Each structure stands twice: as structure tokens, then as C-alpha cells.
């Protein structure tokens, strides 16, 4: 099983677990999160790159993986992703390097080697 497949399977399972036991505020937050990334004044592509940068800076590997997968599905190029990761590295500093390594591992799986 690929890293992407494993991540997506676990995410589905855990989201289902959360939503089965969730109260209204949790369900509303999940809905808001989905709504924010829809098309608007900013494209989904742009929003996924913004989410990717924020996730790298916040050092959330699950979030980085999610936004990389969504970026790929929304037609973002490998070059655009690498530039966004560079922005995240500059903003976040050297503390994000371990997360950057794991991000590049998934980039290699999704887009192939650069």
C-alpha cells in the first residue's frame, strides 16, 4: 500500500469515528473546513497551496499530506508545490525540515522524482 493510500484510508476511518461521536460544534467545524477550500475569489489550487504552507509552518504532517494530495488532484504542478514548500521553510525556519523531508517523500510518490 502506498503512503497516499494508507493516509487516505486512515483519514476516512478516523473522520468517520470522530463524526459518529461528534457534537454539533465539531460537525460545524468539519463542515466549515470543507467549505473554506471550495472555489471562490481564490481558486481551490491557490487555497491548497496556502493550506500546504500553513500546515508546514504549523508542523502538521497529516495536514501537509492532505494538502499535497488535494493540490495534486486540483492540477497543481510539482514546481508550484516545491515553491510553496520553500515559502513554508522560509517562514517556519529550520524546525520544519523534518516535515519538509516527509513532504518531499510524498511529492515523489505523487508527482515522481523532479
N, C-alpha and C. Protein backbone atom coordinates (compact mmCIF):
# COMPACT_ATOMS: atom_id res chain seq x y z
N UNK A 1 0.85 -1.18 0.00
CA UNK A 1 0.00 0.00 0.00
C UNK A 1 0.89 1.25 0.00
N UNK A 2 0.57 2.19 -0.85
CA UNK A 2 1.36 3.42 -0.92
C UNK A 2 1.10 4.30 0.29
N UNK A 3 1.99 5.25 0.50
CA UNK A 3 1.80 6.20 1.60
C UNK A 3 0.49 6.95 1.44
N UNK A 4 0.19 7.35 0.20
CA UNK A 4 -1.07 8.05 -0.07
C UNK A 4 -2.27 7.18 0.29
N UNK A 5 -2.27 5.95 -0.17
CA UNK A 5 -3.40 5.05 0.09
C UNK A 5 -3.59 4.82 1.59
N UNK A 6 -2.48 4.60 2.30
CA UNK A 6 -2.55 4.39 3.74
C UNK A 6 -3.09 5.64 4.44
N UNK A 7 -2.57 6.81 4.04
CA UNK A 7 -3.03 8.06 4.65
C UNK A 7 -4.53 8.26 4.41
N UNK A 8 -4.98 8.09 3.18
CA UNK A 8 -6.40 8.32 2.85
C UNK A 8 -7.32 7.32 3.56
N UNK A 9 -6.88 6.06 3.66
CA UNK A 9 -7.69 5.06 4.37
C UNK A 9 -7.82 5.42 5.84
N UNK A 10 -6.71 5.72 6.49
CA UNK A 10 -6.75 6.08 7.91
C UNK A 10 -7.56 7.36 8.15
N UNK A 11 -7.42 8.33 7.28
CA UNK A 11 -8.16 9.59 7.42
C UNK A 11 -9.66 9.34 7.35
N UNK A 12 -10.09 8.52 6.37
CA UNK A 12 -11.52 8.18 6.25
C UNK A 12 -12.02 7.49 7.51
N UNK A 13 -11.26 6.49 7.97
CA UNK A 13 -11.67 5.74 9.16
C UNK A 13 -11.77 6.64 10.39
N UNK A 14 -10.77 7.46 10.60
CA UNK A 14 -10.75 8.31 11.79
C UNK A 14 -11.79 9.44 11.70
N UNK A 15 -11.99 10.00 10.51
CA UNK A 15 -13.05 11.01 10.36
C UNK A 15 -14.41 10.40 10.66
N UNK A 16 -14.66 9.18 10.19
CA UNK A 16 -15.94 8.51 10.48
C UNK A 16 -16.10 8.31 11.98
N UNK A 17 -15.03 7.91 12.65
CA UNK A 17 -15.08 7.73 14.11
C UNK A 17 -15.40 9.04 14.81
N UNK A 18 -14.74 10.11 14.41
CA UNK A 18 -14.99 11.42 15.02
C UNK A 18 -16.44 11.84 14.80
N UNK A 19 -16.89 11.76 13.56
CA UNK A 19 -18.23 12.26 13.23
C UNK A 19 -19.34 11.42 13.86
N UNK A 20 -19.08 10.13 14.09
CA UNK A 20 -20.08 9.30 14.80
C UNK A 20 -20.29 9.79 16.22
N UNK A 21 -19.22 10.24 16.86
CA UNK A 21 -19.31 10.67 18.25
C UNK A 21 -19.36 12.17 18.45
N UNK A 22 -19.38 12.91 17.35
CA UNK A 22 -19.23 14.37 17.43
C UNK A 22 -20.52 15.06 17.87
N UNK A 23 -20.33 16.18 18.53
CA UNK A 23 -21.46 17.07 18.83
C UNK A 23 -21.58 18.09 17.69
N UNK A 24 -22.55 18.99 17.81
CA UNK A 24 -22.81 19.95 16.74
C UNK A 24 -21.62 20.87 16.47
N UNK A 25 -20.94 21.44 17.48
CA UNK A 25 -19.79 22.30 17.17
C UNK A 25 -18.70 21.59 16.37
N UNK A 26 -18.41 20.33 16.70
CA UNK A 26 -17.40 19.59 15.94
C UNK A 26 -17.87 19.39 14.50
N UNK A 27 -19.11 19.00 14.32
CA UNK A 27 -19.64 18.81 12.97
C UNK A 27 -19.63 20.11 12.18
N UNK A 28 -19.93 21.21 12.82
CA UNK A 28 -19.89 22.51 12.14
C UNK A 28 -18.47 22.88 11.73
N UNK A 29 -17.51 22.60 12.59
CA UNK A 29 -16.12 22.90 12.24
C UNK A 29 -15.68 22.08 11.04
N UNK A 30 -16.00 20.80 11.02
CA UNK A 30 -15.66 19.96 9.87
C UNK A 30 -16.30 20.50 8.60
N UNK A 31 -17.54 20.93 8.68
CA UNK A 31 -18.22 21.50 7.51
C UNK A 31 -17.57 22.81 7.07
N UNK A 32 -17.21 23.65 8.03
CA UNK A 32 -16.55 24.92 7.71
C UNK A 32 -15.22 24.65 7.02
N UNK A 33 -14.46 23.70 7.53
CA UNK A 33 -13.18 23.35 6.93
C UNK A 33 -13.36 22.95 5.47
N UNK A 34 -14.36 22.16 5.19
CA UNK A 34 -14.64 21.76 3.80
C UNK A 34 -15.06 22.94 2.94
N UNK A 35 -15.91 23.77 3.48
CA UNK A 35 -16.43 24.92 2.72
C UNK A 35 -15.33 25.93 2.36
N UNK A 36 -14.41 26.16 3.27
CA UNK A 36 -13.37 27.17 3.06
C UNK A 36 -12.52 26.85 1.83
N UNK A 37 -12.32 25.58 1.54
CA UNK A 37 -11.45 25.20 0.42
C UNK A 37 -12.17 25.11 -0.91
N UNK A 38 -13.46 25.46 -0.97
CA UNK A 38 -14.18 25.47 -2.23
C UNK A 38 -13.77 26.66 -3.10
N UNK A 39 -14.19 26.63 -4.35
CA UNK A 39 -13.92 27.74 -5.27
C UNK A 39 -14.53 29.02 -4.73
N UNK A 40 -13.84 30.11 -4.92
CA UNK A 40 -14.31 31.43 -4.50
C UNK A 40 -13.47 32.47 -5.20
N UNK A 41 -13.23 33.57 -4.54
CA UNK A 41 -12.35 34.59 -5.11
C UNK A 41 -10.95 34.00 -5.34
N UNK A 42 -10.56 33.08 -4.48
CA UNK A 42 -9.33 32.31 -4.67
C UNK A 42 -9.70 30.93 -5.21
N UNK A 43 -8.90 30.43 -6.12
CA UNK A 43 -9.14 29.10 -6.67
C UNK A 43 -8.82 28.03 -5.64
N UNK A 44 -9.34 26.82 -5.85
CA UNK A 44 -9.01 25.70 -4.97
C UNK A 44 -7.51 25.44 -5.01
N UNK A 45 -6.91 25.58 -6.18
CA UNK A 45 -5.46 25.38 -6.31
C UNK A 45 -4.71 26.31 -5.36
N UNK A 46 -5.07 27.58 -5.38
CA UNK A 46 -4.41 28.56 -4.52
C UNK A 46 -4.65 28.24 -3.05
N UNK A 47 -5.87 27.89 -2.71
CA UNK A 47 -6.20 27.59 -1.32
C UNK A 47 -5.44 26.36 -0.83
N UNK A 48 -5.25 25.37 -1.69
CA UNK A 48 -4.49 24.18 -1.27
C UNK A 48 -3.03 24.53 -1.03
N UNK A 49 -2.47 25.42 -1.85
CA UNK A 49 -1.09 25.85 -1.63
C UNK A 49 -0.97 26.66 -0.34
N UNK A 50 -1.96 27.51 -0.07
CA UNK A 50 -1.97 28.25 1.21
C UNK A 50 -2.07 27.28 2.39
N UNK A 51 -2.95 26.30 2.27
CA UNK A 51 -3.08 25.30 3.32
C UNK A 51 -1.80 24.51 3.51
N UNK A 52 -1.12 24.21 2.41
CA UNK A 52 0.14 23.49 2.48
C UNK A 52 1.19 24.29 3.24
N UNK A 53 1.34 25.55 2.90
CA UNK A 53 2.32 26.40 3.58
C UNK A 53 2.00 26.50 5.07
N UNK A 54 0.75 26.78 5.39
CA UNK A 54 0.36 26.90 6.80
C UNK A 54 0.60 25.59 7.55
N UNK A 55 0.29 24.48 6.91
CA UNK A 55 0.47 23.18 7.56
C UNK A 55 1.94 22.87 7.81
N UNK A 56 2.79 23.23 6.86
CA UNK A 56 4.23 23.02 7.05
C UNK A 56 4.74 23.86 8.21
N UNK A 57 4.33 25.12 8.25
CA UNK A 57 4.77 26.02 9.32
C UNK A 57 4.26 25.54 10.68
N UNK A 58 3.03 25.01 10.70
CA UNK A 58 2.47 24.50 11.95
C UNK A 58 2.96 23.10 12.29
N UNK A 59 3.73 22.51 11.39
CA UNK A 59 4.36 21.19 11.59
C UNK A 59 3.33 20.08 11.77
N UNK A 60 2.32 20.10 10.90
CA UNK A 60 1.28 19.06 10.94
C UNK A 60 1.45 18.14 9.73
N UNK A 61 2.10 17.00 9.94
CA UNK A 61 2.36 16.08 8.83
C UNK A 61 1.07 15.59 8.16
N UNK A 62 0.04 15.28 8.95
CA UNK A 62 -1.23 14.86 8.35
C UNK A 62 -1.78 15.96 7.45
N UNK A 63 -1.71 17.19 7.91
CA UNK A 63 -2.23 18.32 7.13
C UNK A 63 -1.42 18.53 5.86
N UNK A 64 -0.10 18.43 5.97
CA UNK A 64 0.77 18.55 4.80
C UNK A 64 0.41 17.48 3.79
N UNK A 65 0.25 16.24 4.24
CA UNK A 65 -0.11 15.15 3.33
C UNK A 65 -1.45 15.42 2.66
N UNK A 66 -2.42 15.84 3.44
CA UNK A 66 -3.75 16.12 2.89
C UNK A 66 -3.67 17.19 1.80
N UNK A 67 -2.98 18.29 2.09
CA UNK A 67 -2.92 19.39 1.12
C UNK A 67 -2.08 19.03 -0.11
N UNK A 68 -1.07 18.19 0.05
CA UNK A 68 -0.33 17.72 -1.11
C UNK A 68 -1.22 16.89 -2.02
N UNK A 69 -1.99 15.99 -1.45
CA UNK A 69 -2.90 15.15 -2.24
C UNK A 69 -3.95 16.01 -2.93
N UNK A 70 -4.52 16.95 -2.19
CA UNK A 70 -5.54 17.83 -2.78
C UNK A 70 -4.93 18.72 -3.86
N UNK A 71 -3.72 19.19 -3.64
CA UNK A 71 -3.05 20.01 -4.66
C UNK A 71 -2.88 19.21 -5.94
N UNK A 72 -2.43 17.99 -5.82
CA UNK A 72 -2.25 17.12 -6.99
C UNK A 72 -3.58 16.93 -7.71
N UNK A 73 -4.63 16.65 -6.96
CA UNK A 73 -5.95 16.42 -7.56
C UNK A 73 -6.53 17.67 -8.20
N UNK A 74 -6.05 18.84 -7.79
CA UNK A 74 -6.54 20.10 -8.34
C UNK A 74 -5.60 20.69 -9.39
N UNK A 75 -4.69 19.88 -9.88
CA UNK A 75 -3.86 20.29 -11.00
C UNK A 75 -2.67 21.16 -10.69
N UNK A 76 -2.27 21.22 -9.43
CA UNK A 76 -1.09 21.99 -9.06
C UNK A 76 0.14 21.22 -9.55
N UNK A 77 1.08 21.92 -10.13
CA UNK A 77 2.28 21.27 -10.64
C UNK A 77 3.28 20.99 -9.51
N UNK A 78 4.19 20.09 -9.79
CA UNK A 78 5.25 19.79 -8.82
C UNK A 78 6.07 21.05 -8.54
N UNK A 79 6.34 21.83 -9.56
CA UNK A 79 7.13 23.05 -9.41
C UNK A 79 6.43 24.05 -8.49
N UNK A 80 5.11 24.17 -8.64
CA UNK A 80 4.35 25.08 -7.77
C UNK A 80 4.39 24.59 -6.32
N UNK A 81 4.26 23.29 -6.13
CA UNK A 81 4.33 22.72 -4.78
C UNK A 81 5.70 22.97 -4.15
N UNK A 82 6.75 22.76 -4.92
CA UNK A 82 8.11 22.97 -4.39
C UNK A 82 8.30 24.43 -3.99
N UNK A 83 7.80 25.36 -4.79
CA UNK A 83 7.90 26.78 -4.42
C UNK A 83 7.12 27.08 -3.15
N UNK A 84 5.93 26.50 -3.02
CA UNK A 84 5.14 26.70 -1.80
C UNK A 84 5.88 26.13 -0.59
N UNK A 85 6.48 24.96 -0.75
CA UNK A 85 7.25 24.37 0.35
C UNK A 85 8.45 25.25 0.71
N UNK A 86 9.05 25.89 -0.27
CA UNK A 86 10.15 26.82 0.01
C UNK A 86 9.66 28.00 0.84
N UNK A 87 8.48 28.52 0.52
CA UNK A 87 7.90 29.61 1.32
C UNK A 87 7.69 29.13 2.76
N UNK A 88 7.13 27.94 2.92
CA UNK A 88 6.92 27.39 4.26
C UNK A 88 8.20 27.23 5.03
N UNK A 89 9.27 26.82 4.35
CA UNK A 89 10.56 26.67 5.00
C UNK A 89 11.10 28.01 5.46
N UNK A 90 10.99 29.03 4.62
CA UNK A 90 11.48 30.36 4.98
C UNK A 90 10.68 30.92 6.15
N UNK A 91 9.37 30.76 6.11
CA UNK A 91 8.52 31.28 7.19
C UNK A 91 8.74 30.49 8.47
N UNK A 92 8.81 29.17 8.37
CA UNK A 92 8.90 28.33 9.55
C UNK A 92 10.30 28.12 10.09
N UNK A 93 11.29 28.25 9.24
CA UNK A 93 12.67 28.06 9.67
C UNK A 93 13.08 26.59 9.71
N UNK A 94 14.25 26.35 10.24
CA UNK A 94 14.84 25.01 10.19
C UNK A 94 14.03 23.97 10.96
N UNK A 95 13.18 24.40 11.88
CA UNK A 95 12.37 23.45 12.65
C UNK A 95 11.42 22.65 11.76
N UNK A 96 11.11 23.17 10.56
CA UNK A 96 10.19 22.46 9.67
C UNK A 96 10.91 21.45 8.77
N UNK A 97 12.24 21.38 8.82
CA UNK A 97 12.97 20.49 7.91
C UNK A 97 12.53 19.02 8.02
N UNK A 98 12.33 18.45 9.21
CA UNK A 98 11.85 17.05 9.25
C UNK A 98 10.51 16.88 8.53
N UNK A 99 9.65 17.85 8.63
CA UNK A 99 8.34 17.80 7.97
C UNK A 99 8.49 18.00 6.46
N UNK A 100 9.45 18.83 6.08
CA UNK A 100 9.77 19.04 4.68
C UNK A 100 10.27 17.74 4.04
N UNK A 101 11.08 17.00 4.77
CA UNK A 101 11.57 15.70 4.26
C UNK A 101 10.41 14.76 3.96
N UNK A 102 9.49 14.66 4.92
CA UNK A 102 8.34 13.77 4.72
C UNK A 102 7.44 14.29 3.60
N UNK A 103 7.34 15.61 3.47
CA UNK A 103 6.56 16.18 2.37
C UNK A 103 7.17 15.79 1.03
N UNK A 104 8.48 15.88 0.91
CA UNK A 104 9.14 15.52 -0.36
C UNK A 104 9.01 14.03 -0.65
N UNK A 105 8.93 13.22 0.38
CA UNK A 105 8.70 11.79 0.17
C UNK A 105 7.37 11.58 -0.54
N UNK A 106 6.33 12.28 -0.08
CA UNK A 106 5.01 12.16 -0.71
C UNK A 106 4.98 12.86 -2.07
N UNK A 107 5.65 13.98 -2.20
CA UNK A 107 5.75 14.66 -3.51
C UNK A 107 6.33 13.68 -4.53
N UNK A 108 7.37 12.96 -4.15
CA UNK A 108 7.99 12.00 -5.05
C UNK A 108 7.02 10.91 -5.46
N UNK A 109 6.19 10.47 -4.52
CA UNK A 109 5.17 9.45 -4.84
C UNK A 109 4.10 10.02 -5.77
N UNK A 110 3.64 11.24 -5.49
CA UNK A 110 2.52 11.81 -6.25
C UNK A 110 2.92 12.31 -7.63
N UNK A 111 4.06 13.00 -7.72
CA UNK A 111 4.48 13.64 -8.97
C UNK A 111 5.67 12.93 -9.62
N UNK A 112 6.30 12.03 -8.93
CA UNK A 112 7.53 11.43 -9.43
C UNK A 112 8.71 12.29 -9.05
N UNK A 113 9.88 11.76 -9.28
CA UNK A 113 11.11 12.50 -8.94
C UNK A 113 11.26 13.71 -9.84
N UNK A 114 11.80 14.79 -9.28
CA UNK A 114 11.96 16.02 -10.04
C UNK A 114 13.30 16.11 -10.71
